[in-house]
């Protein structure tokens, strides 16, 4: 085994196929409706700590600083590399209106491009990102997926911000604003 390879079992992680995750999501959404989103978010949040510690160990193997000590641009690059190696897909970190962080992926592993979903549904990832990035921010974060390949979009896009900002974005979108306008209004 290559010393630079992510040790799944040693980090409390488990490889699950994308098809298995999609089948589980589809069955829960069919049987539980919108409540399934909360179940997946809770599960993702519960797993964020182990994933973050796996990231910490992954950084140590590369003689990198701790996640909290990395310069922002290096943290973004290494976090994207880590998620790619862990099988989640490519990830680009950015910002929108200097108000929220964006996470974009044209190949995010939780999404199922043929699913034909009406709403974004990478709920496990949303919970996972809230915990994972909240640990670096040392503050609670809320995450909302606003574009999803499972709905036919070209990419998955997640917005990360404080609970107050994300509530304002959600409220704006509930009133018919696009997420870009809602974020601008929350600034």
C-alpha atoms as a PDB file:
ATOM      1  CA  UNK A   1       0.000   0.000   0.000  1.00  0.00           C
ATOM      2  CA  UNK A   2       1.262   3.463  -0.880  1.00  0.00           C
ATOM      3  CA  UNK A   3       1.929   5.487   2.274  1.00  0.00           C
ATOM      4  CA  UNK A   4       0.179   8.450   0.672  1.00  0.00           C
ATOM      5  CA  UNK A   5      -3.084   6.559   0.089  1.00  0.00           C
ATOM      6  CA  UNK A   6      -6.055   7.340   2.290  1.00  0.00           C
ATOM      7  CA  UNK A   7      -6.481   4.515   4.832  1.00  0.00           C
ATOM      8  CA  UNK A   8     -10.268   4.047   4.938  1.00  0.00           C
ATOM      9  CA  UNK A   9     -10.522   1.461   7.729  1.00  0.00           C
ATOM     10  CA  UNK A  10      -7.822   3.109   9.826  1.00  0.00           C
ATOM     11  CA  UNK A  11      -9.736   6.406   9.699  1.00  0.00           C
ATOM     12  CA  UNK A  12     -13.152   4.992  10.529  1.00  0.00           C
ATOM     13  CA  UNK A  13     -14.245   5.385   6.908  1.00  0.00           C
ATOM     14  CA  UNK A  14     -16.010   2.920   4.673  1.00  0.00           C
ATOM     15  CA  UNK A  15     -16.136   2.722   0.905  1.00  0.00           C
ATOM     16  CA  UNK A  16     -19.730   2.591  -0.346  1.00  0.00           C
ATOM     17  CA  UNK A  17     -20.605   2.535  -4.010  1.00  0.00           C
ATOM     18  CA  UNK A  18     -22.345   5.527  -5.564  1.00  0.00           C
ATOM     19  CA  UNK A  19     -25.117   3.203  -6.739  1.00  0.00           C
ATOM     20  CA  UNK A  20     -25.748   1.982  -3.175  1.00  0.00           C
ATOM     21  CA  UNK A  21     -25.912   5.542  -1.848  1.00  0.00           C
ATOM     22  CA  UNK A  22     -28.260   6.587  -4.668  1.00  0.00           C
ATOM     23  CA  UNK A  23     -30.542   3.576  -4.060  1.00  0.00           C
ATOM     24  CA  UNK A  24     -30.662   4.353  -0.336  1.00  0.00           C
ATOM     25  CA  UNK A  25     -31.492   8.015  -1.023  1.00  0.00           C
ATOM     26  CA  UNK A  26     -34.164   7.130  -3.565  1.00  0.00           C
ATOM     27  CA  UNK A  27     -35.802   4.566  -1.254  1.00  0.00           C
ATOM     28  CA  UNK A  28     -35.807   6.942   1.723  1.00  0.00           C
ATOM     29  CA  UNK A  29     -37.172   9.808  -0.337  1.00  0.00           C
ATOM     30  CA  UNK A  30     -39.864   7.537  -1.772  1.00  0.00           C
ATOM     31  CA  UNK A  31     -40.881   6.194   1.642  1.00  0.00           C
ATOM     32  CA  UNK A  32     -40.193   9.206   3.889  1.00  0.00           C
ATOM     33  CA  UNK A  33     -40.665  12.147   1.557  1.00  0.00           C
ATOM     34  CA  UNK A  34     -38.896  15.349   2.502  1.00  0.00           C
ATOM     35  CA  UNK A  35     -38.024  13.945   5.957  1.00  0.00           C
ATOM     36  CA  UNK A  36     -35.311  11.918   4.221  1.00  0.00           C
ATOM     37  CA  UNK A  37     -33.315  15.128   3.714  1.00  0.00           C
ATOM     38  CA  UNK A  38     -33.040  15.613   7.461  1.00  0.00           C
ATOM     39  CA  UNK A  39     -31.995  11.999   7.995  1.00  0.00           C
ATOM     40  CA  UNK A  40     -29.213  12.306   5.449  1.00  0.00           C
ATOM     41  CA  UNK A  41     -28.052  15.674   6.786  1.00  0.00           C
ATOM     42  CA  UNK A  42     -27.914  14.281  10.316  1.00  0.00           C
ATOM     43  CA  UNK A  43     -25.922  11.265   9.131  1.00  0.00           C
ATOM     44  CA  UNK A  44     -23.539  13.477   7.168  1.00  0.00           C
ATOM     45  CA  UNK A  45     -23.015  15.743  10.157  1.00  0.00           C
ATOM     46  CA  UNK A  46     -22.351  12.739  12.395  1.00  0.00           C
ATOM     47  CA  UNK A  47     -19.657  11.520  10.005  1.00  0.00           C
ATOM     48  CA  UNK A  48     -17.988  14.889   9.529  1.00  0.00           C
ATOM     49  CA  UNK A  49     -15.740  14.500  12.571  1.00  0.00           C
ATOM     50  CA  UNK A  50     -14.187  11.236  11.411  1.00  0.00           C
ATOM     51  CA  UNK A  51     -13.749  12.667   7.932  1.00  0.00           C
ATOM     52  CA  UNK A  52     -12.044  15.751   9.347  1.00  0.00           C
ATOM     53  CA  UNK A  53      -9.674  13.599  11.421  1.00  0.00           C
ATOM     54  CA  UNK A  54      -8.922  11.530   8.305  1.00  0.00           C
ATOM     55  CA  UNK A  55      -8.098  14.818   6.560  1.00  0.00           C
ATOM     56  CA  UNK A  56      -5.803  15.786   9.439  1.00  0.00           C
ATOM     57  CA  UNK A  57      -3.965  12.443   9.148  1.00  0.00           C
ATOM     58  CA  UNK A  58      -3.846  12.767   5.362  1.00  0.00           C
ATOM     59  CA  UNK A  59      -2.195  16.189   5.768  1.00  0.00           C
ATOM     60  CA  UNK A  60       0.351  14.774   8.227  1.00  0.00           C
ATOM     61  CA  UNK A  61       1.393  12.159   5.657  1.00  0.00           C
ATOM     62  CA  UNK A  62       2.161  15.045   3.301  1.00  0.00           C
ATOM     63  CA  UNK A  63       4.071  16.991   5.970  1.00  0.00           C
ATOM     64  CA  UNK A  64       1.483  19.761   5.696  1.00  0.00           C
ATOM     65  CA  UNK A  65       0.378  22.036   8.524  1.00  0.00           C
ATOM     66  CA  UNK A  66      -2.724  21.227  10.540  1.00  0.00           C
ATOM     67  CA  UNK A  67      -5.996  22.221   8.846  1.00  0.00           C
ATOM     68  CA  UNK A  68      -6.430  25.154  11.223  1.00  0.00           C
ATOM     69  CA  UNK A  69      -2.902  26.476  10.480  1.00  0.00           C
ATOM     70  CA  UNK A  70      -2.952  26.262   6.688  1.00  0.00           C
ATOM     71  CA  UNK A  71      -3.133  29.473   4.674  1.00  0.00           C
ATOM     72  CA  UNK A  72      -6.596  29.743   3.099  1.00  0.00           C
ATOM     73  CA  UNK A  73      -5.547  29.075  -0.495  1.00  0.00           C
ATOM     74  CA  UNK A  74      -3.489  26.029   0.531  1.00  0.00           C
ATOM     75  CA  UNK A  75      -6.335  24.719   2.707  1.00  0.00           C
ATOM     76  CA  UNK A  76      -8.756  25.037  -0.213  1.00  0.00           C
ATOM     77  CA  UNK A  77      -6.397  23.230  -2.595  1.00  0.00           C
ATOM     78  CA  UNK A  78      -5.603  20.416  -0.162  1.00  0.00           C
ATOM     79  CA  UNK A  79      -9.223  19.954   0.938  1.00  0.00           C
ATOM     80  CA  UNK A  80     -10.236  19.647  -2.727  1.00  0.00           C
ATOM     81  CA  UNK A  81      -7.449  17.106  -3.301  1.00  0.00           C
ATOM     82  CA  UNK A  82      -8.528  15.143  -0.214  1.00  0.00           C
ATOM     83  CA  UNK A  83     -12.194  14.936  -1.254  1.00  0.00           C
ATOM     84  CA  UNK A  84     -11.132  13.870  -4.748  1.00  0.00           C
ATOM     85  CA  UNK A  85      -8.892  11.122  -3.367  1.00  0.00           C
ATOM     86  CA  UNK A  86     -11.644  10.007  -0.973  1.00  0.00           C
ATOM     87  CA  UNK A  87     -13.883   9.405  -3.996  1.00  0.00           C
ATOM     88  CA  UNK A  88     -16.321  12.275  -3.535  1.00  0.00           C
ATOM     89  CA  UNK A  89     -15.321  14.104  -6.703  1.00  0.00           C
ATOM     90  CA  UNK A  90     -13.591  17.314  -7.668  1.00  0.00           C
ATOM     91  CA  UNK A  91     -14.293  20.410  -5.626  1.00  0.00           C
ATOM     92  CA  UNK A  92     -13.663  24.085  -6.232  1.00  0.00           C
ATOM     93  CA  UNK A  93     -13.912  26.465  -3.288  1.00  0.00           C
ATOM     94  CA  UNK A  94     -14.953  30.066  -3.858  1.00  0.00           C
ATOM     95  CA  UNK A  95     -17.143  32.825  -2.458  1.00  0.00           C
ATOM     96  CA  UNK A  96     -20.345  34.557  -3.494  1.00  0.00           C
ATOM     97  CA  UNK A  97     -20.786  38.268  -2.706  1.00  0.00           C
ATOM     98  CA  UNK A  98     -18.145  37.889   0.032  1.00  0.00           C
ATOM     99  CA  UNK A  99     -21.007  36.506   2.118  1.00  0.00           C
ATOM    100  CA  UNK A 100     -20.956  32.738   1.677  1.00  0.00           C
ATOM    101  CA  UNK A 101     -18.427  30.128   0.675  1.00  0.00           C
ATOM    102  CA  UNK A 102     -19.254  28.123  -2.447  1.00  0.00           C
ATOM    103  CA  UNK A 103     -18.281  24.519  -3.071  1.00  0.00           C
ATOM    104  CA  UNK A 104     -18.711  23.538  -6.730  1.00  0.00           C
ATOM    105  CA  UNK A 105     -18.318  20.135  -8.335  1.00  0.00           C
ATOM    106  CA  UNK A 106     -19.088  18.946 -11.868  1.00  0.00           C
ATOM    107  CA  UNK A 107     -18.740  15.305 -10.761  1.00  0.00           C
ATOM    108  CA  UNK A 108     -19.853  15.157  -7.119  1.00  0.00           C
ATOM    109  CA  UNK A 109     -20.190  11.533  -6.013  1.00  0.00           C
ATOM    110  CA  UNK A 110     -23.476  11.811  -4.133  1.00  0.00           C
ATOM    111  CA  UNK A 111     -25.290  13.193  -7.178  1.00  0.00           C
ATOM    112  CA  UNK A 112     -27.018  10.935  -9.697  1.00  0.00           C
ATOM    113  CA  UNK A 113     -27.317  12.774 -13.030  1.00  0.00           C
ATOM    114  CA  UNK A 114     -30.041  10.396 -14.256  1.00  0.00           C
ATOM    115  CA  UNK A 115     -32.143  10.683 -11.076  1.00  0.00           C
ATOM    116  CA  UNK A 116     -34.496  13.360 -12.415  1.00  0.00           C
ATOM    117  CA  UNK A 117     -34.952  14.884  -8.963  1.00  0.00           C
ATOM    118  CA  UNK A 118     -37.029  18.018  -8.556  1.00  0.00           C
ATOM    119  CA  UNK A 119     -34.811  19.551  -5.848  1.00  0.00           C
ATOM    120  CA  UNK A 120     -31.114  19.347  -4.945  1.00  0.00           C
ATOM    121  CA  UNK A 121     -30.577  16.182  -2.934  1.00  0.00           C
ATOM    122  CA  UNK A 122     -26.938  15.810  -1.847  1.00  0.00           C
ATOM    123  CA  UNK A 123     -28.120  16.017   1.752  1.00  0.00           C
ATOM    124  CA  UNK A 124     -25.465  13.693   3.193  1.00  0.00           C
ATOM    125  CA  UNK A 125     -22.807  15.996   1.750  1.00  0.00           C
ATOM    126  CA  UNK A 126     -24.549  19.084   3.152  1.00  0.00           C
ATOM    127  CA  UNK A 127     -24.391  17.688   6.672  1.00  0.00           C
ATOM    128  CA  UNK A 128     -20.846  16.453   6.190  1.00  0.00           C
ATOM    129  CA  UNK A 129     -19.676  19.859   4.897  1.00  0.00           C
ATOM    130  CA  UNK A 130     -21.352  21.676   7.800  1.00  0.00           C
ATOM    131  CA  UNK A 131     -19.380  19.662  10.330  1.00  0.00           C
ATOM    132  CA  UNK A 132     -16.122  19.410   8.359  1.00  0.00           C
ATOM    133  CA  UNK A 133     -15.789  23.103   7.455  1.00  0.00           C
ATOM    134  CA  UNK A 134     -17.292  24.221  10.767  1.00  0.00           C
ATOM    135  CA  UNK A 135     -14.306  22.612  12.495  1.00  0.00           C
ATOM    136  CA  UNK A 136     -11.913  24.761  10.481  1.00  0.00           C
ATOM    137  CA  UNK A 137     -14.023  27.885  10.995  1.00  0.00           C
ATOM    138  CA  UNK A 138     -14.304  27.007  14.696  1.00  0.00           C
ATOM    139  CA  UNK A 139     -17.940  28.058  14.439  1.00  0.00           C
ATOM    140  CA  UNK A 140     -21.178  26.346  13.462  1.00  0.00           C
ATOM    141  CA  UNK A 141     -21.917  26.540   9.748  1.00  0.00           C
ATOM    142  CA  UNK A 142     -25.060  25.897   7.774  1.00  0.00           C
ATOM    143  CA  UNK A 143     -24.915  24.403   4.290  1.00  0.00           C
ATOM    144  CA  UNK A 144     -27.467  24.479   1.496  1.00  0.00           C
ATOM    145  CA  UNK A 145     -27.146  22.845  -1.895  1.00  0.00           C
ATOM    146  CA  UNK A 146     -28.559  25.204  -4.524  1.00  0.00           C
ATOM    147  CA  UNK A 147     -27.555  23.402  -7.739  1.00  0.00           C
ATOM    148  CA  UNK A 148     -27.489  19.623  -8.108  1.00  0.00           C
ATOM    149  CA  UNK A 149     -26.528  17.275 -10.889  1.00  0.00           C
ATOM    150  CA  UNK A 150     -29.409  15.028  -9.716  1.00  0.00           C
ATOM    151  CA  UNK A 151     -31.798  17.725 -11.003  1.00  0.00           C
ATOM    152  CA  UNK A 152     -30.051  18.025 -14.348  1.00  0.00           C
ATOM    153  CA  UNK A 153     -27.734  20.907 -13.414  1.00  0.00           C
ATOM    154  CA  UNK A 154     -24.195  20.908 -14.780  1.00  0.00           C
ATOM    155  CA  UNK A 155     -22.719  20.959 -11.292  1.00  0.00           C
ATOM    156  CA  UNK A 156     -23.492  20.606  -7.632  1.00  0.00           C
ATOM    157  CA  UNK A 157     -23.125  23.889  -5.762  1.00  0.00           C
ATOM    158  CA  UNK A 158     -23.199  24.151  -2.000  1.00  0.00           C
ATOM    159  CA  UNK A 159     -23.383  27.421  -0.064  1.00  0.00           C
ATOM    160  CA  UNK A 160     -21.740  27.586   3.379  1.00  0.00           C
ATOM    161  CA  UNK A 161     -22.302  30.352   5.892  1.00  0.00           C
ATOM    162  CA  UNK A 162     -23.453  31.213   9.349  1.00  0.00           C
ATOM    163  CA  UNK A 163     -26.904  30.002  10.359  1.00  0.00           C
ATOM    164  CA  UNK A 164     -28.216  33.576  10.252  1.00  0.00           C
ATOM    165  CA  UNK A 165     -26.932  34.266   6.751  1.00  0.00           C
ATOM    166  CA  UNK A 166     -28.119  30.923   5.416  1.00  0.00           C
ATOM    167  CA  UNK A 167     -31.569  31.471   6.963  1.00  0.00           C
ATOM    168  CA  UNK A 168     -31.755  34.828   5.180  1.00  0.00           C
ATOM    169  CA  UNK A 169     -30.750  33.121   1.912  1.00  0.00           C
ATOM    170  CA  UNK A 170     -33.373  30.414   2.447  1.00  0.00           C
ATOM    171  CA  UNK A 171     -36.034  33.039   3.237  1.00  0.00           C
ATOM    172  CA  UNK A 172     -35.147  35.001   0.096  1.00  0.00           C
ATOM    173  CA  UNK A 173     -35.334  31.880  -2.044  1.00  0.00           C
ATOM    174  CA  UNK A 174     -38.682  30.975  -0.443  1.00  0.00           C
ATOM    175  CA  UNK A 175     -39.948  34.356  -1.649  1.00  0.00           C
ATOM    176  CA  UNK A 176     -38.931  33.548  -5.222  1.00  0.00           C
ATOM    177  CA  UNK A 177     -35.441  35.029  -5.414  1.00  0.00           C
ATOM    178  CA  UNK A 178     -32.659  33.109  -7.115  1.00  0.00           C
ATOM    179  CA  UNK A 179     -29.911  32.060  -4.745  1.00  0.00           C
ATOM    180  CA  UNK A 180     -27.518  34.693  -6.131  1.00  0.00           C
ATOM    181  CA  UNK A 181     -30.012  37.470  -5.364  1.00  0.00           C
ATOM    182  CA  UNK A 182     -30.809  35.949  -1.979  1.00  0.00           C
ATOM    183  CA  UNK A 183     -27.118  35.861  -1.037  1.00  0.00           C
ATOM    184  CA  UNK A 184     -26.672  39.463  -2.203  1.00  0.00           C
ATOM    185  CA  UNK A 185     -29.640  40.441  -0.040  1.00  0.00           C
ATOM    186  CA  UNK A 186     -28.171  38.653   2.965  1.00  0.00           C
ATOM    187  CA  UNK A 187     -24.864  40.552   2.667  1.00  0.00           C
END
